[in-house]
Amino acid sequence: MTDIFNAIIEGFAAQSMAEWIAVILGVAYLVLAMRQSNWCWYAAFGSTAIFSWLFWDVSLVMESALNVYYLVMAVYGWWAWRSGGNNSADEHELPVQSWGMKQHGLVLLAIAVLTFASGYLLTENTSAALPYLDSFTTWGAVITTWMVTRKVLENWIYWIVIDAVAIYLYIDRGLYPTAFLMCIYVVLAFGGFWLWLKDYRNQQDDLTLGQSA
């Protein structure tokens, strides 16, 4: 156990400034997203730009591709939260929504199929590390990030699972600050869920009052 602890400490000390900056921006993104602040997308853009390069450098091919997708979603998320699909400048116009069991069933099926398909292709055609875990976190995050841009309440539950798996993935690749970031994400995701749930319930109460008035 002592050897493992020492290896982790040495790993933290050896990490680049770029990874630490990406980690700090990543934490800022999640905290701001919890508060439904449009500034979260600026932090997301900076963090994912750095991570795209870092993951490619350690042969996490799918994770690198995922962060390129994050860059695009950061721009779209900023627009969607700010306008709600309209031309309004009110950054809180897009309301929190909740998906039903049918939608979540389709999401889980899509993640499973895409994970096994890309995991198999990576195993057969590349030297990618941990191809199935890499694929799971990638495809899960692709869909869940879309859920965030649309303010789907349950996105936080998905992130808890995805980030928990990612902790092992990053430790295996020696990305200790990034693994630590995932630990923080898991904790903050619980808080994010309750904050959004509170807002969602308030919206439903306001809607009920409006209909009865």
N, C-alpha and C. Protein backbone atom coordinates (compact mmCIF):
# COMPACT_ATOMS: atom_id res chain seq x y z
N MET A 1 0.83 -1.21 0.00
CA MET A 1 0.00 0.00 0.00
C MET A 1 0.86 1.26 0.00
N THR A 2 1.97 1.21 0.78
CA THR A 2 2.88 2.36 0.84
C THR A 2 3.49 2.63 -0.53
N ASP A 3 3.85 1.55 -1.23
CA ASP A 3 4.45 1.70 -2.56
C ASP A 3 3.48 2.36 -3.54
N ILE A 4 2.21 1.96 -3.46
CA ILE A 4 1.18 2.55 -4.33
C ILE A 4 1.02 4.04 -4.02
N PHE A 5 0.96 4.35 -2.71
CA PHE A 5 0.80 5.76 -2.29
C PHE A 5 1.98 6.60 -2.78
N ASN A 6 3.20 6.07 -2.61
CA ASN A 6 4.39 6.80 -3.06
C ASN A 6 4.38 7.00 -4.57
N ALA A 7 3.91 5.97 -5.30
CA ALA A 7 3.85 6.08 -6.77
C ALA A 7 2.87 7.18 -7.18
N ILE A 8 1.76 7.29 -6.46
CA ILE A 8 0.78 8.33 -6.76
C ILE A 8 1.36 9.73 -6.50
N ILE A 9 2.06 9.86 -5.35
CA ILE A 9 2.68 11.16 -5.02
C ILE A 9 3.71 11.55 -6.07
N GLU A 10 4.54 10.59 -6.47
CA GLU A 10 5.54 10.86 -7.49
C GLU A 10 4.89 11.20 -8.83
N GLY A 11 3.76 10.52 -9.12
CA GLY A 11 3.04 10.79 -10.36
C GLY A 11 2.49 12.21 -10.39
N PHE A 12 1.97 12.68 -9.25
CA PHE A 12 1.45 14.04 -9.17
C PHE A 12 2.58 15.04 -9.42
N ALA A 13 3.74 14.77 -8.80
CA ALA A 13 4.86 15.70 -8.91
C ALA A 13 5.39 15.77 -10.33
N ALA A 14 5.23 14.69 -11.08
CA ALA A 14 5.80 14.63 -12.43
C ALA A 14 4.90 15.20 -13.51
N GLN A 15 3.67 15.55 -13.17
CA GLN A 15 2.73 16.00 -14.19
C GLN A 15 3.06 17.40 -14.69
N SER A 16 2.67 17.64 -15.91
CA SER A 16 2.97 18.92 -16.56
C SER A 16 2.04 20.02 -16.07
N MET A 17 2.49 21.25 -16.24
CA MET A 17 1.67 22.40 -15.90
C MET A 17 0.41 22.43 -16.75
N ALA A 18 0.51 21.96 -17.99
CA ALA A 18 -0.65 21.94 -18.88
C ALA A 18 -1.77 21.09 -18.30
N GLU A 19 -1.42 19.93 -17.74
CA GLU A 19 -2.46 19.07 -17.18
C GLU A 19 -3.10 19.72 -15.96
N TRP A 20 -2.28 20.37 -15.12
CA TRP A 20 -2.85 21.03 -13.95
C TRP A 20 -3.80 22.16 -14.34
N ILE A 21 -3.43 22.91 -15.38
CA ILE A 21 -4.32 23.99 -15.86
C ILE A 21 -5.63 23.39 -16.36
N ALA A 22 -5.54 22.28 -17.10
CA ALA A 22 -6.74 21.63 -17.61
C ALA A 22 -7.62 21.14 -16.48
N VAL A 23 -6.99 20.61 -15.41
CA VAL A 23 -7.74 20.13 -14.25
C VAL A 23 -8.47 21.28 -13.56
N ILE A 24 -7.76 22.39 -13.35
CA ILE A 24 -8.37 23.56 -12.69
C ILE A 24 -9.55 24.09 -13.50
N LEU A 25 -9.37 24.19 -14.81
CA LEU A 25 -10.46 24.65 -15.68
C LEU A 25 -11.61 23.65 -15.67
N GLY A 26 -11.28 22.36 -15.57
CA GLY A 26 -12.32 21.34 -15.53
C GLY A 26 -13.18 21.46 -14.28
N VAL A 27 -12.54 21.73 -13.14
CA VAL A 27 -13.29 21.93 -11.89
C VAL A 27 -14.16 23.18 -12.00
N ALA A 28 -13.57 24.25 -12.56
CA ALA A 28 -14.33 25.50 -12.73
C ALA A 28 -15.56 25.27 -13.60
N TYR A 29 -15.38 24.47 -14.67
CA TYR A 29 -16.52 24.17 -15.55
C TYR A 29 -17.66 23.52 -14.77
N LEU A 30 -17.34 22.51 -13.98
CA LEU A 30 -18.41 21.77 -13.30
C LEU A 30 -19.10 22.61 -12.24
N VAL A 31 -18.32 23.38 -11.48
CA VAL A 31 -18.92 24.25 -10.46
C VAL A 31 -19.85 25.27 -11.10
N LEU A 32 -19.42 25.85 -12.21
CA LEU A 32 -20.25 26.84 -12.91
C LEU A 32 -21.48 26.18 -13.54
N ALA A 33 -21.31 24.93 -14.04
CA ALA A 33 -22.45 24.21 -14.61
C ALA A 33 -23.49 23.90 -13.55
N MET A 34 -23.03 23.56 -12.34
CA MET A 34 -23.95 23.31 -11.24
C MET A 34 -24.84 24.52 -10.98
N ARG A 35 -24.25 25.71 -11.15
CA ARG A 35 -24.97 26.96 -10.91
C ARG A 35 -25.69 27.46 -12.16
N GLN A 36 -25.64 26.66 -13.24
CA GLN A 36 -26.26 27.00 -14.52
C GLN A 36 -25.76 28.33 -15.05
N SER A 37 -24.45 28.58 -14.85
CA SER A 37 -23.82 29.79 -15.37
C SER A 37 -23.26 29.52 -16.75
N ASN A 38 -23.53 30.42 -17.68
CA ASN A 38 -23.05 30.27 -19.04
C ASN A 38 -21.53 30.33 -19.14
N TRP A 39 -20.88 30.84 -18.09
CA TRP A 39 -19.42 30.90 -18.07
C TRP A 39 -18.79 29.52 -18.03
N CYS A 40 -19.57 28.50 -17.67
CA CYS A 40 -19.02 27.14 -17.61
C CYS A 40 -18.47 26.71 -18.97
N TRP A 41 -19.08 27.19 -20.05
CA TRP A 41 -18.66 26.75 -21.38
C TRP A 41 -17.32 27.34 -21.79
N TYR A 42 -16.97 28.52 -21.27
CA TYR A 42 -15.64 29.08 -21.52
C TYR A 42 -14.57 28.22 -20.86
N ALA A 43 -14.84 27.83 -19.61
CA ALA A 43 -13.89 26.96 -18.89
C ALA A 43 -13.79 25.61 -19.59
N ALA A 44 -14.92 25.09 -20.06
CA ALA A 44 -14.93 23.80 -20.75
C ALA A 44 -14.08 23.84 -22.01
N PHE A 45 -14.18 24.92 -22.75
CA PHE A 45 -13.43 25.03 -24.01
C PHE A 45 -11.92 24.98 -23.75
N GLY A 46 -11.47 25.75 -22.76
CA GLY A 46 -10.05 25.77 -22.45
C GLY A 46 -9.55 24.43 -21.94
N SER A 47 -10.31 23.82 -21.05
CA SER A 47 -9.92 22.53 -20.48
C SER A 47 -9.84 21.44 -21.54
N THR A 48 -10.84 21.35 -22.37
CA THR A 48 -10.87 20.27 -23.36
C THR A 48 -9.84 20.45 -24.46
N ALA A 49 -9.49 21.68 -24.77
CA ALA A 49 -8.44 21.91 -25.77
C ALA A 49 -7.12 21.30 -25.29
N ILE A 50 -6.83 21.48 -23.99
CA ILE A 50 -5.60 20.92 -23.43
C ILE A 50 -5.68 19.40 -23.34
N PHE A 51 -6.82 18.89 -22.86
CA PHE A 51 -6.96 17.44 -22.70
C PHE A 51 -6.91 16.70 -24.05
N SER A 52 -7.37 17.33 -25.11
CA SER A 52 -7.30 16.68 -26.43
C SER A 52 -5.87 16.27 -26.76
N TRP A 53 -4.94 17.17 -26.48
CA TRP A 53 -3.54 16.88 -26.74
C TRP A 53 -2.97 15.88 -25.74
N LEU A 54 -3.31 16.03 -24.45
CA LEU A 54 -2.77 15.16 -23.41
C LEU A 54 -3.16 13.70 -23.63
N PHE A 55 -4.43 13.45 -23.97
CA PHE A 55 -4.89 12.09 -24.15
C PHE A 55 -4.28 11.44 -25.39
N TRP A 56 -4.10 12.22 -26.43
CA TRP A 56 -3.46 11.69 -27.64
C TRP A 56 -2.02 11.27 -27.32
N ASP A 57 -1.38 12.04 -26.47
CA ASP A 57 0.01 11.79 -26.14
C ASP A 57 0.21 10.49 -25.36
N VAL A 58 -0.85 10.01 -24.63
CA VAL A 58 -0.72 8.77 -23.86
C VAL A 58 -1.54 7.64 -24.49
N SER A 59 -1.87 7.77 -25.77
CA SER A 59 -2.53 6.72 -26.56
C SER A 59 -3.97 6.41 -26.15
N LEU A 60 -4.64 7.35 -25.51
CA LEU A 60 -6.08 7.20 -25.26
C LEU A 60 -6.80 7.85 -26.44
N VAL A 61 -6.88 7.09 -27.53
CA VAL A 61 -7.36 7.63 -28.80
C VAL A 61 -8.79 8.14 -28.69
N MET A 62 -9.66 7.32 -28.11
CA MET A 62 -11.07 7.71 -28.01
C MET A 62 -11.25 8.92 -27.09
N GLU A 63 -10.49 8.97 -26.00
CA GLU A 63 -10.60 10.11 -25.09
C GLU A 63 -10.14 11.39 -25.77
N SER A 64 -9.12 11.31 -26.59
CA SER A 64 -8.65 12.48 -27.33
C SER A 64 -9.72 12.97 -28.31
N ALA A 65 -10.31 12.02 -29.04
CA ALA A 65 -11.39 12.37 -29.98
C ALA A 65 -12.57 12.96 -29.23
N LEU A 66 -12.86 12.42 -28.04
CA LEU A 66 -13.97 12.92 -27.24
C LEU A 66 -13.78 14.39 -26.89
N ASN A 67 -12.56 14.77 -26.57
CA ASN A 67 -12.33 16.15 -26.18
C ASN A 67 -12.42 17.12 -27.35
N VAL A 68 -12.16 16.65 -28.57
CA VAL A 68 -12.42 17.47 -29.74
C VAL A 68 -13.93 17.72 -29.85
N TYR A 69 -14.71 16.68 -29.60
CA TYR A 69 -16.18 16.80 -29.59
C TYR A 69 -16.61 17.78 -28.50
N TYR A 70 -15.96 17.71 -27.32
CA TYR A 70 -16.27 18.64 -26.24
C TYR A 70 -16.09 20.09 -26.68
N LEU A 71 -15.06 20.34 -27.48
CA LEU A 71 -14.83 21.70 -27.96
C LEU A 71 -16.04 22.23 -28.73
N VAL A 72 -16.56 21.37 -29.60
CA VAL A 72 -17.74 21.75 -30.39
C VAL A 72 -18.95 21.94 -29.47
N MET A 73 -19.13 21.03 -28.51
CA MET A 73 -20.26 21.11 -27.59
C MET A 73 -20.17 22.32 -26.67
N ALA A 74 -18.94 22.76 -26.37
CA ALA A 74 -18.78 23.95 -25.53
C ALA A 74 -19.37 25.17 -26.23
N VAL A 75 -19.13 25.25 -27.54
CA VAL A 75 -19.69 26.36 -28.33
C VAL A 75 -21.21 26.23 -28.41
N TYR A 76 -21.70 25.01 -28.72
CA TYR A 76 -23.14 24.81 -28.83
C TYR A 76 -23.83 25.02 -27.48
N GLY A 77 -23.22 24.49 -26.41
CA GLY A 77 -23.82 24.64 -25.09
C GLY A 77 -23.94 26.08 -24.68
N TRP A 78 -22.91 26.87 -24.98
CA TRP A 78 -22.96 28.30 -24.68
C TRP A 78 -24.15 28.95 -25.39
N TRP A 79 -24.34 28.62 -26.67
CA TRP A 79 -25.44 29.20 -27.43
C TRP A 79 -26.80 28.71 -26.91
N ALA A 80 -26.91 27.40 -26.65
CA ALA A 80 -28.19 26.83 -26.23
C ALA A 80 -28.63 27.37 -24.87
N TRP A 81 -27.71 27.45 -23.93
CA TRP A 81 -28.06 27.95 -22.61
C TRP A 81 -28.40 29.44 -22.66
N ARG A 82 -27.69 30.15 -23.53
CA ARG A 82 -27.90 31.60 -23.59
C ARG A 82 -29.22 31.95 -24.26
N SER A 83 -29.59 31.19 -25.28
CA SER A 83 -30.77 31.57 -26.07
C SER A 83 -31.94 30.63 -25.91
N GLY A 84 -31.69 29.42 -25.44
CA GLY A 84 -32.78 28.44 -25.34
C GLY A 84 -33.33 28.06 -26.70
N GLY A 85 -32.52 28.28 -27.75
CA GLY A 85 -32.97 27.99 -29.11
C GLY A 85 -33.64 29.18 -29.76
N ASN A 86 -33.76 30.29 -28.99
CA ASN A 86 -34.36 31.50 -29.54
C ASN A 86 -33.29 32.58 -29.67
N ASN A 87 -33.70 33.81 -29.77
CA ASN A 87 -32.75 34.92 -29.91
C ASN A 87 -32.60 35.73 -28.64
N SER A 88 -33.16 35.22 -27.55
CA SER A 88 -33.10 35.94 -26.28
C SER A 88 -31.68 35.91 -25.72
N ALA A 89 -31.31 36.95 -24.99
CA ALA A 89 -30.00 37.01 -24.36
C ALA A 89 -30.04 36.51 -22.92
N ASP A 90 -31.17 36.01 -22.46
CA ASP A 90 -31.31 35.52 -21.10
C ASP A 90 -30.65 34.16 -20.97
N GLU A 91 -29.51 34.07 -20.23
CA GLU A 91 -28.74 32.84 -20.18
C GLU A 91 -29.45 31.74 -19.41
N HIS A 92 -30.52 32.07 -18.68
CA HIS A 92 -31.23 31.06 -17.92
C HIS A 92 -32.56 30.68 -18.58
N GLU A 93 -32.75 31.09 -19.82
CA GLU A 93 -34.04 30.82 -20.45
C GLU A 93 -34.26 29.33 -20.67
N LEU A 94 -33.21 28.59 -21.01
CA LEU A 94 -33.37 27.16 -21.23
C LEU A 94 -33.66 26.48 -19.89
N PRO A 95 -34.83 25.86 -19.72
CA PRO A 95 -35.20 25.27 -18.43
C PRO A 95 -34.62 23.87 -18.25
N VAL A 96 -34.49 23.44 -17.01
CA VAL A 96 -34.10 22.07 -16.71
C VAL A 96 -35.25 21.16 -17.08
N GLN A 97 -34.95 20.03 -17.75
CA GLN A 97 -35.97 19.08 -18.13
C GLN A 97 -35.61 17.69 -17.64
N SER A 98 -36.59 16.80 -17.60
CA SER A 98 -36.37 15.43 -17.15
C SER A 98 -36.85 14.46 -18.23
N TRP A 99 -36.02 13.45 -18.52
CA TRP A 99 -36.38 12.45 -19.52
C TRP A 99 -37.08 11.27 -18.89
N GLY A 100 -37.92 10.59 -19.69
CA GLY A 100 -38.64 9.40 -19.23
C GLY A 100 -37.83 8.13 -19.41
N MET A 101 -38.39 7.00 -18.95
CA MET A 101 -37.70 5.72 -19.00
C MET A 101 -37.40 5.29 -20.44
N LYS A 102 -38.29 5.59 -21.37
CA LYS A 102 -38.07 5.20 -22.75
C LYS A 102 -36.83 5.88 -23.32
N GLN A 103 -36.70 7.17 -23.07
CA GLN A 103 -35.53 7.90 -23.57
C GLN A 103 -34.24 7.38 -22.96
N HIS A 104 -34.27 7.11 -21.66
CA HIS A 104 -33.07 6.60 -21.00
C HIS A 104 -32.74 5.19 -21.46
N GLY A 105 -33.76 4.38 -21.75
CA GLY A 105 -33.53 3.05 -22.27
C GLY A 105 -32.81 3.09 -23.61
N LEU A 106 -33.23 3.99 -24.47
CA LEU A 106 -32.58 4.15 -25.77
C LEU A 106 -31.14 4.64 -25.62
N VAL A 107 -30.93 5.53 -24.67
CA VAL A 107 -29.58 6.05 -24.43
C VAL A 107 -28.66 4.92 -23.97
N LEU A 108 -29.11 4.12 -23.02
CA LEU A 108 -28.28 3.02 -22.50
C LEU A 108 -27.98 1.98 -23.58
N LEU A 109 -28.97 1.70 -24.40
CA LEU A 109 -28.76 0.75 -25.50
C LEU A 109 -27.74 1.29 -26.49
N ALA A 110 -27.85 2.57 -26.83
CA ALA A 110 -26.91 3.19 -27.77
C ALA A 110 -25.49 3.15 -27.21
N ILE A 111 -25.33 3.46 -25.93
CA ILE A 111 -24.00 3.45 -25.31
C ILE A 111 -23.40 2.04 -25.36
N ALA A 112 -24.22 1.03 -25.06
CA ALA A 112 -23.73 -0.36 -25.05
C ALA A 112 -23.28 -0.80 -26.44
N VAL A 113 -24.10 -0.53 -27.44
CA VAL A 113 -23.77 -0.96 -28.81
C VAL A 113 -22.52 -0.25 -29.30
N LEU A 114 -22.45 1.06 -29.11
CA LEU A 114 -21.30 1.84 -29.57
C LEU A 114 -20.02 1.44 -28.83
N THR A 115 -20.15 1.13 -27.54
CA THR A 115 -18.98 0.72 -26.76
C THR A 115 -18.38 -0.57 -27.29
N PHE A 116 -19.22 -1.58 -27.50
CA PHE A 116 -18.71 -2.86 -27.99
C PHE A 116 -18.19 -2.77 -29.42
N ALA A 117 -18.88 -1.98 -30.25
CA ALA A 117 -18.44 -1.84 -31.64
C ALA A 117 -17.08 -1.15 -31.74
N SER A 118 -16.94 -0.01 -31.09
CA SER A 118 -15.68 0.72 -31.19
C SER A 118 -14.58 0.03 -30.39
N GLY A 119 -14.94 -0.62 -29.28
CA GLY A 119 -13.94 -1.36 -28.51
C GLY A 119 -13.35 -2.48 -29.33
N TYR A 120 -14.19 -3.19 -30.07
CA TYR A 120 -13.72 -4.27 -30.93
C TYR A 120 -12.82 -3.74 -32.05
N LEU A 121 -13.24 -2.66 -32.69
CA LEU A 121 -12.46 -2.09 -33.78
C LEU A 121 -11.10 -1.59 -33.30
N LEU A 122 -11.08 -0.97 -32.12
CA LEU A 122 -9.81 -0.50 -31.58
C LEU A 122 -8.89 -1.65 -31.23
N THR A 123 -9.48 -2.73 -30.69
CA THR A 123 -8.68 -3.90 -30.33
C THR A 123 -8.04 -4.53 -31.55
N GLU A 124 -8.80 -4.62 -32.62
CA GLU A 124 -8.32 -5.30 -33.83
C GLU A 124 -7.41 -4.46 -34.71
N ASN A 125 -7.56 -3.12 -34.64
CA ASN A 125 -6.87 -2.29 -35.62
C ASN A 125 -5.90 -1.25 -35.06
N THR A 126 -5.85 -1.10 -33.74
CA THR A 126 -4.96 -0.08 -33.16
C THR A 126 -4.25 -0.64 -31.94
N SER A 127 -3.38 0.16 -31.38
CA SER A 127 -2.68 -0.20 -30.14
C SER A 127 -3.25 0.59 -28.97
N ALA A 128 -4.49 1.03 -29.09
CA ALA A 128 -5.12 1.83 -28.05
C ALA A 128 -5.15 1.08 -26.72
N ALA A 129 -4.93 1.81 -25.63
CA ALA A 129 -4.94 1.21 -24.30
C ALA A 129 -6.37 1.07 -23.79
N LEU A 130 -6.66 -0.06 -23.13
CA LEU A 130 -7.97 -0.32 -22.52
C LEU A 130 -9.11 0.09 -23.45
N PRO A 131 -9.19 -0.51 -24.63
CA PRO A 131 -10.13 -0.03 -25.66
C PRO A 131 -11.61 -0.04 -25.26
N TYR A 132 -12.04 -1.05 -24.48
CA TYR A 132 -13.46 -1.10 -24.14
C TYR A 132 -13.83 -0.06 -23.07
N LEU A 133 -12.97 0.08 -22.06
CA LEU A 133 -13.22 1.12 -21.06
C LEU A 133 -13.12 2.50 -21.68
N ASP A 134 -12.12 2.68 -22.54
CA ASP A 134 -11.95 3.94 -23.25
C ASP A 134 -13.19 4.25 -24.08
N SER A 135 -13.72 3.24 -24.74
CA SER A 135 -14.91 3.42 -25.58
C SER A 135 -16.14 3.73 -24.73
N PHE A 136 -16.28 3.04 -23.59
CA PHE A 136 -17.45 3.28 -22.72
C PHE A 136 -17.48 4.71 -22.21
N THR A 137 -16.35 5.18 -21.67
CA THR A 137 -16.33 6.54 -21.15
C THR A 137 -16.53 7.56 -22.27
N THR A 138 -16.02 7.23 -23.45
CA THR A 138 -16.16 8.15 -24.58
C THR A 138 -17.60 8.28 -25.04
N TRP A 139 -18.21 7.15 -25.38
CA TRP A 139 -19.58 7.21 -25.90
C TRP A 139 -20.59 7.64 -24.83
N GLY A 140 -20.34 7.22 -23.59
CA GLY A 140 -21.21 7.70 -22.51
C GLY A 140 -21.13 9.20 -22.38
N ALA A 141 -19.91 9.74 -22.47
CA ALA A 141 -19.72 11.18 -22.34
C ALA A 141 -20.27 11.95 -23.53
N VAL A 142 -20.19 11.35 -24.73
CA VAL A 142 -20.73 12.01 -25.93
C VAL A 142 -22.22 12.29 -25.74
N ILE A 143 -22.95 11.28 -25.33
CA ILE A 143 -24.40 11.43 -25.16
C ILE A 143 -24.72 12.29 -23.95
N THR A 144 -23.98 12.08 -22.86
CA THR A 144 -24.27 12.83 -21.64
C THR A 144 -23.96 14.31 -21.79
N THR A 145 -22.92 14.63 -22.56
CA THR A 145 -22.61 16.04 -22.81
C THR A 145 -23.75 16.72 -23.57
N TRP A 146 -24.34 16.00 -24.52
CA TRP A 146 -25.51 16.53 -25.22
C TRP A 146 -26.64 16.80 -24.23
N MET A 147 -26.81 15.90 -23.27
CA MET A 147 -27.84 16.07 -22.24
C MET A 147 -27.58 17.33 -21.43
N VAL A 148 -26.30 17.62 -21.15
CA VAL A 148 -25.97 18.84 -20.40
C VAL A 148 -26.36 20.08 -21.20
N THR A 149 -26.06 20.07 -22.50
CA THR A 149 -26.38 21.25 -23.33
C THR A 149 -27.88 21.50 -23.38
N ARG A 150 -28.68 20.44 -23.18
CA ARG A 150 -30.14 20.59 -23.18
C ARG A 150 -30.71 20.67 -21.77
N LYS A 151 -29.82 20.71 -20.77
CA LYS A 151 -30.20 20.78 -19.34
C LYS A 151 -31.13 19.63 -18.94
N VAL A 152 -30.74 18.41 -19.30
CA VAL A 152 -31.48 17.23 -18.86
C VAL A 152 -31.01 16.87 -17.46
N LEU A 153 -31.92 16.85 -16.51
CA LEU A 153 -31.60 16.64 -15.10
C LEU A 153 -30.74 15.41 -14.86
N GLU A 154 -31.09 14.30 -15.50
CA GLU A 154 -30.42 13.03 -15.22
C GLU A 154 -28.99 12.94 -15.73
N ASN A 155 -28.50 13.97 -16.42
CA ASN A 155 -27.12 13.93 -16.90
C ASN A 155 -26.15 13.70 -15.75
N TRP A 156 -26.48 14.23 -14.56
CA TRP A 156 -25.59 14.10 -13.42
C TRP A 156 -25.43 12.65 -12.98
N ILE A 157 -26.48 11.86 -13.09
CA ILE A 157 -26.41 10.45 -12.72
C ILE A 157 -25.49 9.70 -13.68
N TYR A 158 -25.62 10.01 -14.95
CA TYR A 158 -24.74 9.40 -15.95
C TYR A 158 -23.28 9.75 -15.67
N TRP A 159 -23.03 11.01 -15.32
CA TRP A 159 -21.65 11.44 -15.07
C TRP A 159 -21.05 10.73 -13.88
N ILE A 160 -21.84 10.44 -12.86
CA ILE A 160 -21.32 9.74 -11.69
C ILE A 160 -20.73 8.39 -12.11
N VAL A 161 -21.45 7.66 -12.95
CA VAL A 161 -20.99 6.35 -13.41
C VAL A 161 -19.78 6.49 -14.33
N ILE A 162 -19.88 7.38 -15.31
CA ILE A 162 -18.80 7.56 -16.30
C ILE A 162 -17.50 8.00 -15.63
N ASP A 163 -17.60 8.98 -14.73
CA ASP A 163 -16.41 9.49 -14.08
C ASP A 163 -15.78 8.47 -13.14
N ALA A 164 -16.61 7.65 -12.51
CA ALA A 164 -16.09 6.60 -11.63
C ALA A 164 -15.24 5.60 -12.43
N VAL A 165 -15.72 5.22 -13.61
CA VAL A 165 -14.95 4.32 -14.48
C VAL A 165 -13.69 5.01 -14.98
N ALA A 166 -13.80 6.29 -15.29
CA ALA A 166 -12.66 7.05 -15.82
C ALA A 166 -11.52 7.15 -14.81
N ILE A 167 -11.83 7.11 -13.51
CA ILE A 167 -10.79 7.18 -12.48
C ILE A 167 -9.77 6.06 -12.70
N TYR A 168 -10.27 4.85 -12.87
CA TYR A 168 -9.38 3.71 -13.11
C TYR A 168 -8.61 3.87 -14.42
N LEU A 169 -9.30 4.33 -15.44
CA LEU A 169 -8.69 4.50 -16.76
C LEU A 169 -7.50 5.44 -16.70
N TYR A 170 -7.65 6.56 -16.01
CA TYR A 170 -6.59 7.56 -15.97
C TYR A 170 -5.44 7.16 -15.05
N ILE A 171 -5.76 6.47 -13.96
CA ILE A 171 -4.69 5.97 -13.09
C ILE A 171 -3.82 4.98 -13.85
N ASP A 172 -4.45 4.12 -14.65
CA ASP A 172 -3.71 3.14 -15.44
C ASP A 172 -2.76 3.81 -16.42
N ARG A 173 -3.13 4.98 -16.92
CA ARG A 173 -2.31 5.72 -17.88
C ARG A 173 -1.35 6.69 -17.21
N GLY A 174 -1.36 6.75 -15.88
CA GLY A 174 -0.46 7.63 -15.16
C GLY A 174 -0.88 9.08 -15.12
N LEU A 175 -2.13 9.35 -15.46
CA LEU A 175 -2.65 10.72 -15.43
C LEU A 175 -3.29 10.98 -14.07
N TYR A 176 -2.47 11.10 -13.03
CA TYR A 176 -2.98 11.17 -11.68
C TYR A 176 -3.79 12.43 -11.36
N PRO A 177 -3.34 13.63 -11.78
CA PRO A 177 -4.19 14.80 -11.56
C PRO A 177 -5.55 14.69 -12.25
N THR A 178 -5.57 14.09 -13.44
CA THR A 178 -6.83 13.91 -14.15
C THR A 178 -7.72 12.91 -13.44
N ALA A 179 -7.12 11.84 -12.89
CA ALA A 179 -7.89 10.88 -12.10
C ALA A 179 -8.45 11.56 -10.85
N PHE A 180 -7.65 12.43 -10.26
CA PHE A 180 -8.11 13.19 -9.09
C PHE A 180 -9.27 14.10 -9.47
N LEU A 181 -9.18 14.70 -10.67
CA LEU A 181 -10.27 15.53 -11.17
C LEU A 181 -11.55 14.73 -11.27
N MET A 182 -11.46 13.47 -11.73
CA MET A 182 -12.64 12.63 -11.84
C MET A 182 -13.24 12.34 -10.47
N CYS A 183 -12.39 12.18 -9.46
CA CYS A 183 -12.89 11.98 -8.09
C CYS A 183 -13.71 13.19 -7.64
N ILE A 184 -13.17 14.38 -7.94
CA ILE A 184 -13.89 15.61 -7.60
C ILE A 184 -15.20 15.68 -8.37
N TYR A 185 -15.16 15.29 -9.65
CA TYR A 185 -16.36 15.30 -10.48
C TYR A 185 -17.46 14.41 -9.91
N VAL A 186 -17.07 13.23 -9.41
CA VAL A 186 -18.06 12.32 -8.86
C VAL A 186 -18.77 12.96 -7.67
N VAL A 187 -18.00 13.59 -6.81
CA VAL A 187 -18.58 14.25 -5.63
C VAL A 187 -19.48 15.41 -6.05
N LEU A 188 -18.96 16.26 -6.95
CA LEU A 188 -19.72 17.43 -7.38
C LEU A 188 -20.96 17.06 -8.18
N ALA A 189 -20.91 15.90 -8.86
CA ALA A 189 -22.08 15.48 -9.65
C ALA A 189 -23.28 15.22 -8.76
N PHE A 190 -23.04 14.71 -7.56
CA PHE A 190 -24.14 14.53 -6.61
C PHE A 190 -24.76 15.88 -6.25
N GLY A 191 -23.89 16.87 -5.99
CA GLY A 191 -24.38 18.20 -5.69
C GLY A 191 -25.10 18.83 -6.86
N GLY A 192 -24.56 18.62 -8.06
CA GLY A 192 -25.20 19.15 -9.26
C GLY A 192 -26.59 18.60 -9.47
N PHE A 193 -26.74 17.31 -9.21
CA PHE A 193 -28.06 16.69 -9.37
C PHE A 193 -29.08 17.33 -8.43
N TRP A 194 -28.72 17.52 -7.16
CA TRP A 194 -29.67 18.07 -6.21
C TRP A 194 -29.99 19.53 -6.49
N LEU A 195 -29.01 20.29 -6.95
CA LEU A 195 -29.27 21.69 -7.30
C LEU A 195 -30.21 21.79 -8.49
N TRP A 196 -29.95 20.98 -9.52
CA TRP A 196 -30.83 21.00 -10.69
C TRP A 196 -32.21 20.43 -10.36
N LEU A 197 -32.26 19.42 -9.49
CA LEU A 197 -33.54 18.86 -9.09
C LEU A 197 -34.39 19.90 -8.38
N LYS A 198 -33.75 20.67 -7.52
CA LYS A 198 -34.46 21.74 -6.81
C LYS A 198 -35.01 22.76 -7.80
N ASP A 199 -34.19 23.14 -8.78
CA ASP A 199 -34.63 24.10 -9.79
C ASP A 199 -35.76 23.52 -10.64
N TYR A 200 -35.64 22.23 -10.99
CA TYR A 200 -36.67 21.57 -11.80
C TYR A 200 -38.01 21.54 -11.05
N ARG A 201 -37.97 21.21 -9.77
CA ARG A 201 -39.20 21.17 -8.98
C ARG A 201 -39.82 22.55 -8.85
N ASN A 202 -38.97 23.57 -8.71
CA ASN A 202 -39.49 24.94 -8.65
C ASN A 202 -40.17 25.32 -9.96
N GLN A 203 -39.58 24.90 -11.07
CA GLN A 203 -40.17 25.17 -12.39
C GLN A 203 -41.54 24.50 -12.51
N GLN A 204 -41.61 23.25 -12.05
CA GLN A 204 -42.87 22.52 -12.14
C GLN A 204 -43.94 23.16 -11.25
N ASP A 205 -43.53 23.64 -10.07
CA ASP A 205 -44.47 24.32 -9.17
C ASP A 205 -44.97 25.61 -9.81
N ASP A 206 -44.05 26.36 -10.44
CA ASP A 206 -44.44 27.62 -11.10
C ASP A 206 -45.39 27.34 -12.25
N LEU A 207 -45.12 26.23 -12.99
CA LEU A 207 -45.98 25.87 -14.12
C LEU A 207 -47.37 25.50 -13.63
N THR A 208 -47.41 24.75 -12.52
CA THR A 208 -48.71 24.35 -11.96
C THR A 208 -49.51 25.57 -11.50
N LEU A 209 -48.81 26.50 -10.84
CA LEU A 209 -49.48 27.72 -10.37
C LEU A 209 -49.98 28.54 -11.55
N GLY A 210 -49.18 28.60 -12.61
CA GLY A 210 -49.57 29.36 -13.79
C GLY A 210 -50.80 28.78 -14.47
N GLN A 211 -50.90 27.45 -14.49
CA GLN A 211 -52.03 26.79 -15.13
C GLN A 211 -53.30 26.93 -14.30
N SER A 212 -53.13 27.02 -12.97
CA SER A 212 -54.32 27.13 -12.10
C SER A 212 -54.78 28.55 -11.91
N ALA A 213 -53.96 29.51 -12.32
CA ALA A 213 -54.32 30.92 -12.14
C ALA A 213 -55.42 31.33 -13.11
